[in-house]
Amino acid sequence: LFAHDLAVLEIELPGIRFDDWTQPICLPSRQFTYQKGKKCVASGWGSIGLSYPKRLQAAVVPIIDRAECMNSSRIYTSMSRSAFCAGYLE
């Protein structure tokens, strides 16, 4: 996992034409907090089996309590303060 794994572009208008494939997003305020159980959208181009998708993948998942997430994972034993857990524990 990478800390702050995102990119923010500031583009002078009229630099981009928005359409079905290109849309702006809103960024949270500095006071924003992640609430356990609240739904969020996870997206990316990560591996789906033996290959990588040609289209952006997305799923709506609940935010998980940080301690509960860390205790359930054998892989991630530490987590950056900039990260949060979301998904379903098995």
N, C-alpha and C. Protein backbone atom coordinates (compact mmCIF):
# COMPACT_ATOMS: atom_id res chain seq x y z
N LEU A 1 0.83 -1.18 0.00
CA LEU A 1 0.00 0.00 0.00
C LEU A 1 0.87 1.24 0.00
N PHE A 2 0.40 2.24 -0.69
CA PHE A 2 1.14 3.49 -0.77
C PHE A 2 0.39 4.58 -0.01
N ALA A 3 1.11 5.40 0.73
CA ALA A 3 0.48 6.52 1.43
C ALA A 3 0.04 7.56 0.42
N HIS A 4 -1.15 8.09 0.61
CA HIS A 4 -1.69 9.14 -0.27
C HIS A 4 -1.63 8.70 -1.74
N ASP A 5 -2.12 7.52 -2.04
CA ASP A 5 -2.05 6.94 -3.39
C ASP A 5 -3.11 7.57 -4.30
N LEU A 6 -2.89 8.85 -4.65
CA LEU A 6 -3.80 9.54 -5.54
C LEU A 6 -3.06 10.69 -6.20
N ALA A 7 -3.70 11.29 -7.17
CA ALA A 7 -3.12 12.45 -7.85
C ALA A 7 -4.18 13.53 -7.95
N VAL A 8 -3.78 14.77 -7.77
CA VAL A 8 -4.68 15.90 -7.93
C VAL A 8 -4.10 16.80 -9.00
N LEU A 9 -4.89 17.08 -10.01
CA LEU A 9 -4.46 17.95 -11.09
C LEU A 9 -5.22 19.27 -11.01
N GLU A 10 -4.51 20.37 -11.11
CA GLU A 10 -5.16 21.67 -11.19
C GLU A 10 -4.99 22.15 -12.62
N ILE A 11 -6.11 22.33 -13.30
CA ILE A 11 -6.07 22.64 -14.73
C ILE A 11 -6.78 23.97 -14.98
N GLU A 12 -6.16 24.81 -15.77
CA GLU A 12 -6.78 26.09 -16.10
C GLU A 12 -7.96 25.86 -17.04
N LEU A 13 -9.05 26.58 -16.77
CA LEU A 13 -10.22 26.49 -17.64
C LEU A 13 -9.94 27.18 -18.95
N PRO A 14 -10.43 26.74 -20.04
CA PRO A 14 -11.28 25.59 -20.29
C PRO A 14 -10.46 24.37 -20.68
N GLY A 15 -9.60 23.89 -19.81
CA GLY A 15 -8.65 22.82 -20.12
C GLY A 15 -9.24 21.46 -20.41
N ILE A 16 -10.34 21.10 -19.75
CA ILE A 16 -10.91 19.77 -19.94
C ILE A 16 -12.41 19.89 -20.22
N ARG A 17 -12.87 19.11 -21.15
CA ARG A 17 -14.30 19.04 -21.44
C ARG A 17 -14.85 17.81 -20.72
N PHE A 18 -15.80 18.01 -19.81
CA PHE A 18 -16.37 16.89 -19.07
C PHE A 18 -17.41 16.18 -19.91
N ASP A 19 -17.42 14.86 -19.81
CA ASP A 19 -18.36 14.02 -20.55
C ASP A 19 -18.60 12.74 -19.75
N ASP A 20 -19.12 11.70 -20.38
CA ASP A 20 -19.39 10.44 -19.68
C ASP A 20 -18.12 9.78 -19.15
N TRP A 21 -16.96 10.11 -19.69
CA TRP A 21 -15.71 9.46 -19.33
C TRP A 21 -14.82 10.32 -18.44
N THR A 22 -15.09 11.60 -18.37
CA THR A 22 -14.26 12.53 -17.61
C THR A 22 -15.15 13.39 -16.73
N GLN A 23 -14.97 13.27 -15.40
CA GLN A 23 -15.80 14.02 -14.45
C GLN A 23 -14.94 14.50 -13.29
N PRO A 24 -15.26 15.66 -12.71
CA PRO A 24 -14.54 16.13 -11.53
C PRO A 24 -15.03 15.39 -10.28
N ILE A 25 -14.24 15.42 -9.23
CA ILE A 25 -14.66 14.87 -7.94
C ILE A 25 -14.49 15.94 -6.87
N CYS A 26 -15.18 15.77 -5.77
CA CYS A 26 -15.04 16.67 -4.63
C CYS A 26 -14.06 16.05 -3.64
N LEU A 27 -13.21 16.87 -3.07
CA LEU A 27 -12.27 16.41 -2.04
C LEU A 27 -12.83 16.76 -0.67
N PRO A 28 -12.60 15.91 0.33
CA PRO A 28 -13.12 16.19 1.67
C PRO A 28 -12.39 17.36 2.33
N SER A 29 -13.07 17.99 3.29
CA SER A 29 -12.43 19.06 4.05
C SER A 29 -11.41 18.45 5.01
N ARG A 30 -10.57 19.29 5.59
CA ARG A 30 -9.57 18.81 6.55
C ARG A 30 -10.23 18.23 7.81
N GLN A 31 -11.45 18.65 8.10
CA GLN A 31 -12.15 18.18 9.29
C GLN A 31 -12.87 16.85 9.06
N PHE A 32 -12.86 16.34 7.85
CA PHE A 32 -13.58 15.10 7.53
C PHE A 32 -13.04 13.94 8.34
N THR A 33 -13.93 13.10 8.86
CA THR A 33 -13.53 11.88 9.57
C THR A 33 -14.25 10.69 8.95
N TYR A 34 -13.57 9.55 8.93
CA TYR A 34 -14.16 8.32 8.41
C TYR A 34 -15.01 7.69 9.49
N GLN A 35 -16.26 7.39 9.18
CA GLN A 35 -17.18 6.83 10.16
C GLN A 35 -17.44 5.36 9.87
N LYS A 36 -17.23 4.52 10.88
CA LYS A 36 -17.45 3.08 10.74
C LYS A 36 -18.86 2.82 10.21
N GLY A 37 -18.96 1.96 9.20
CA GLY A 37 -20.24 1.58 8.63
C GLY A 37 -20.72 2.46 7.49
N LYS A 38 -20.17 3.67 7.38
CA LYS A 38 -20.57 4.56 6.29
C LYS A 38 -20.07 3.97 4.97
N LYS A 39 -20.86 4.06 3.93
CA LYS A 39 -20.48 3.50 2.63
C LYS A 39 -19.55 4.44 1.88
N CYS A 40 -18.62 3.85 1.14
CA CYS A 40 -17.72 4.63 0.28
C CYS A 40 -17.51 3.85 -1.02
N VAL A 41 -16.91 4.48 -1.99
CA VAL A 41 -16.63 3.82 -3.26
C VAL A 41 -15.13 3.59 -3.37
N ALA A 42 -14.75 2.34 -3.56
CA ALA A 42 -13.35 1.98 -3.80
C ALA A 42 -13.20 1.75 -5.30
N SER A 43 -12.15 2.30 -5.89
CA SER A 43 -11.96 2.11 -7.33
C SER A 43 -10.48 1.98 -7.66
N GLY A 44 -10.20 1.37 -8.80
CA GLY A 44 -8.82 1.23 -9.24
C GLY A 44 -8.68 0.29 -10.41
N TRP A 45 -7.45 0.16 -10.88
CA TRP A 45 -7.12 -0.71 -12.00
C TRP A 45 -6.28 -1.89 -11.54
N GLY A 46 -6.42 -2.27 -10.29
CA GLY A 46 -5.63 -3.37 -9.73
C GLY A 46 -5.94 -4.71 -10.38
N SER A 47 -5.08 -5.66 -10.13
CA SER A 47 -5.19 -7.01 -10.69
C SER A 47 -6.53 -7.65 -10.34
N ILE A 48 -7.12 -8.30 -11.34
CA ILE A 48 -8.35 -9.08 -11.12
C ILE A 48 -8.08 -10.51 -11.59
N GLY A 49 -7.30 -11.21 -10.78
CA GLY A 49 -6.91 -12.56 -11.16
C GLY A 49 -5.53 -12.54 -11.80
N LEU A 50 -5.44 -13.05 -13.00
CA LEU A 50 -4.15 -13.13 -13.70
C LEU A 50 -3.89 -11.94 -14.61
N SER A 51 -4.83 -11.01 -14.70
CA SER A 51 -4.67 -9.88 -15.60
C SER A 51 -5.13 -8.59 -14.93
N TYR A 52 -5.06 -7.50 -15.68
CA TYR A 52 -5.51 -6.21 -15.21
C TYR A 52 -6.67 -5.74 -16.07
N PRO A 53 -7.65 -5.05 -15.49
CA PRO A 53 -8.82 -4.63 -16.25
C PRO A 53 -8.50 -3.51 -17.23
N LYS A 54 -9.29 -3.41 -18.29
CA LYS A 54 -9.14 -2.32 -19.26
C LYS A 54 -9.98 -1.12 -18.84
N ARG A 55 -10.95 -1.36 -17.95
CA ARG A 55 -11.80 -0.29 -17.45
C ARG A 55 -11.62 -0.17 -15.94
N LEU A 56 -11.81 1.04 -15.46
CA LEU A 56 -11.74 1.30 -14.02
C LEU A 56 -12.77 0.43 -13.30
N GLN A 57 -12.35 -0.26 -12.26
CA GLN A 57 -13.23 -1.10 -11.45
C GLN A 57 -13.67 -0.29 -10.23
N ALA A 58 -14.91 -0.51 -9.77
CA ALA A 58 -15.42 0.21 -8.60
C ALA A 58 -16.38 -0.67 -7.82
N ALA A 59 -16.42 -0.45 -6.51
CA ALA A 59 -17.34 -1.18 -5.64
C ALA A 59 -17.74 -0.28 -4.47
N VAL A 60 -18.98 -0.38 -4.03
CA VAL A 60 -19.45 0.33 -2.85
C VAL A 60 -19.22 -0.58 -1.65
N VAL A 61 -18.46 -0.09 -0.67
CA VAL A 61 -18.10 -0.91 0.50
C VAL A 61 -18.21 -0.07 1.78
N PRO A 62 -18.44 -0.73 2.93
CA PRO A 62 -18.51 0.00 4.19
C PRO A 62 -17.13 0.27 4.78
N ILE A 63 -17.01 1.39 5.49
CA ILE A 63 -15.77 1.69 6.22
C ILE A 63 -15.72 0.81 7.46
N ILE A 64 -14.55 0.26 7.75
CA ILE A 64 -14.34 -0.65 8.87
C ILE A 64 -13.51 0.04 9.94
N ASP A 65 -13.81 -0.25 11.18
CA ASP A 65 -13.04 0.25 12.31
C ASP A 65 -11.57 -0.11 12.13
N ARG A 66 -10.68 0.86 12.33
CA ARG A 66 -9.24 0.67 12.10
C ARG A 66 -8.66 -0.49 12.92
N ALA A 67 -8.96 -0.55 14.21
CA ALA A 67 -8.42 -1.62 15.05
C ALA A 67 -8.95 -2.98 14.62
N GLU A 68 -10.23 -3.06 14.31
CA GLU A 68 -10.83 -4.31 13.85
C GLU A 68 -10.18 -4.77 12.55
N CYS A 69 -9.92 -3.84 11.67
CA CYS A 69 -9.27 -4.15 10.39
C CYS A 69 -7.86 -4.68 10.61
N MET A 70 -7.09 -4.00 11.45
CA MET A 70 -5.71 -4.41 11.70
C MET A 70 -5.66 -5.79 12.36
N ASN A 71 -6.58 -6.07 13.27
CA ASN A 71 -6.61 -7.36 13.96
C ASN A 71 -7.02 -8.51 13.05
N SER A 72 -7.75 -8.20 11.98
CA SER A 72 -8.24 -9.26 11.09
C SER A 72 -7.26 -9.59 9.98
N SER A 73 -6.24 -8.77 9.78
CA SER A 73 -5.33 -8.95 8.64
C SER A 73 -4.03 -9.63 9.05
N ARG A 74 -3.68 -10.66 8.31
CA ARG A 74 -2.38 -11.30 8.50
C ARG A 74 -1.33 -10.66 7.59
N ILE A 75 -1.80 -9.92 6.60
CA ILE A 75 -0.89 -9.32 5.61
C ILE A 75 -0.45 -7.93 6.04
N TYR A 76 -1.40 -7.06 6.38
CA TYR A 76 -1.10 -5.69 6.74
C TYR A 76 -1.07 -5.55 8.26
N THR A 77 0.10 -5.53 8.82
CA THR A 77 0.23 -5.44 10.27
C THR A 77 0.43 -4.00 10.74
N SER A 78 0.64 -3.08 9.80
CA SER A 78 0.71 -1.67 10.14
C SER A 78 0.04 -0.89 9.02
N MET A 79 -0.42 0.30 9.36
CA MET A 79 -1.15 1.10 8.38
C MET A 79 -0.82 2.56 8.58
N SER A 80 -0.58 3.27 7.49
CA SER A 80 -0.32 4.70 7.53
C SER A 80 -1.53 5.43 8.13
N ARG A 81 -1.30 6.51 8.83
CA ARG A 81 -2.40 7.31 9.38
C ARG A 81 -3.25 7.92 8.28
N SER A 82 -2.72 8.02 7.06
CA SER A 82 -3.49 8.57 5.95
C SER A 82 -4.40 7.53 5.30
N ALA A 83 -4.30 6.28 5.72
CA ALA A 83 -5.11 5.20 5.13
C ALA A 83 -6.30 4.87 6.02
N PHE A 84 -7.29 4.23 5.43
CA PHE A 84 -8.43 3.72 6.19
C PHE A 84 -8.83 2.38 5.61
N CYS A 85 -9.58 1.60 6.37
CA CYS A 85 -10.03 0.27 5.92
C CYS A 85 -11.48 0.35 5.45
N ALA A 86 -11.76 -0.37 4.37
CA ALA A 86 -13.13 -0.49 3.88
C ALA A 86 -13.27 -1.84 3.21
N GLY A 87 -14.46 -2.38 3.24
CA GLY A 87 -14.71 -3.67 2.61
C GLY A 87 -15.45 -4.58 3.56
N TYR A 88 -15.28 -5.88 3.35
CA TYR A 88 -15.98 -6.87 4.17
C TYR A 88 -14.98 -7.84 4.76
N LEU A 89 -15.05 -8.03 6.07
CA LEU A 89 -14.16 -8.98 6.74
C LEU A 89 -14.73 -10.37 6.57
N GLU A 90 -13.86 -11.34 6.28
CA GLU A 90 -14.32 -12.72 6.10
C GLU A 90 -13.92 -13.58 7.26
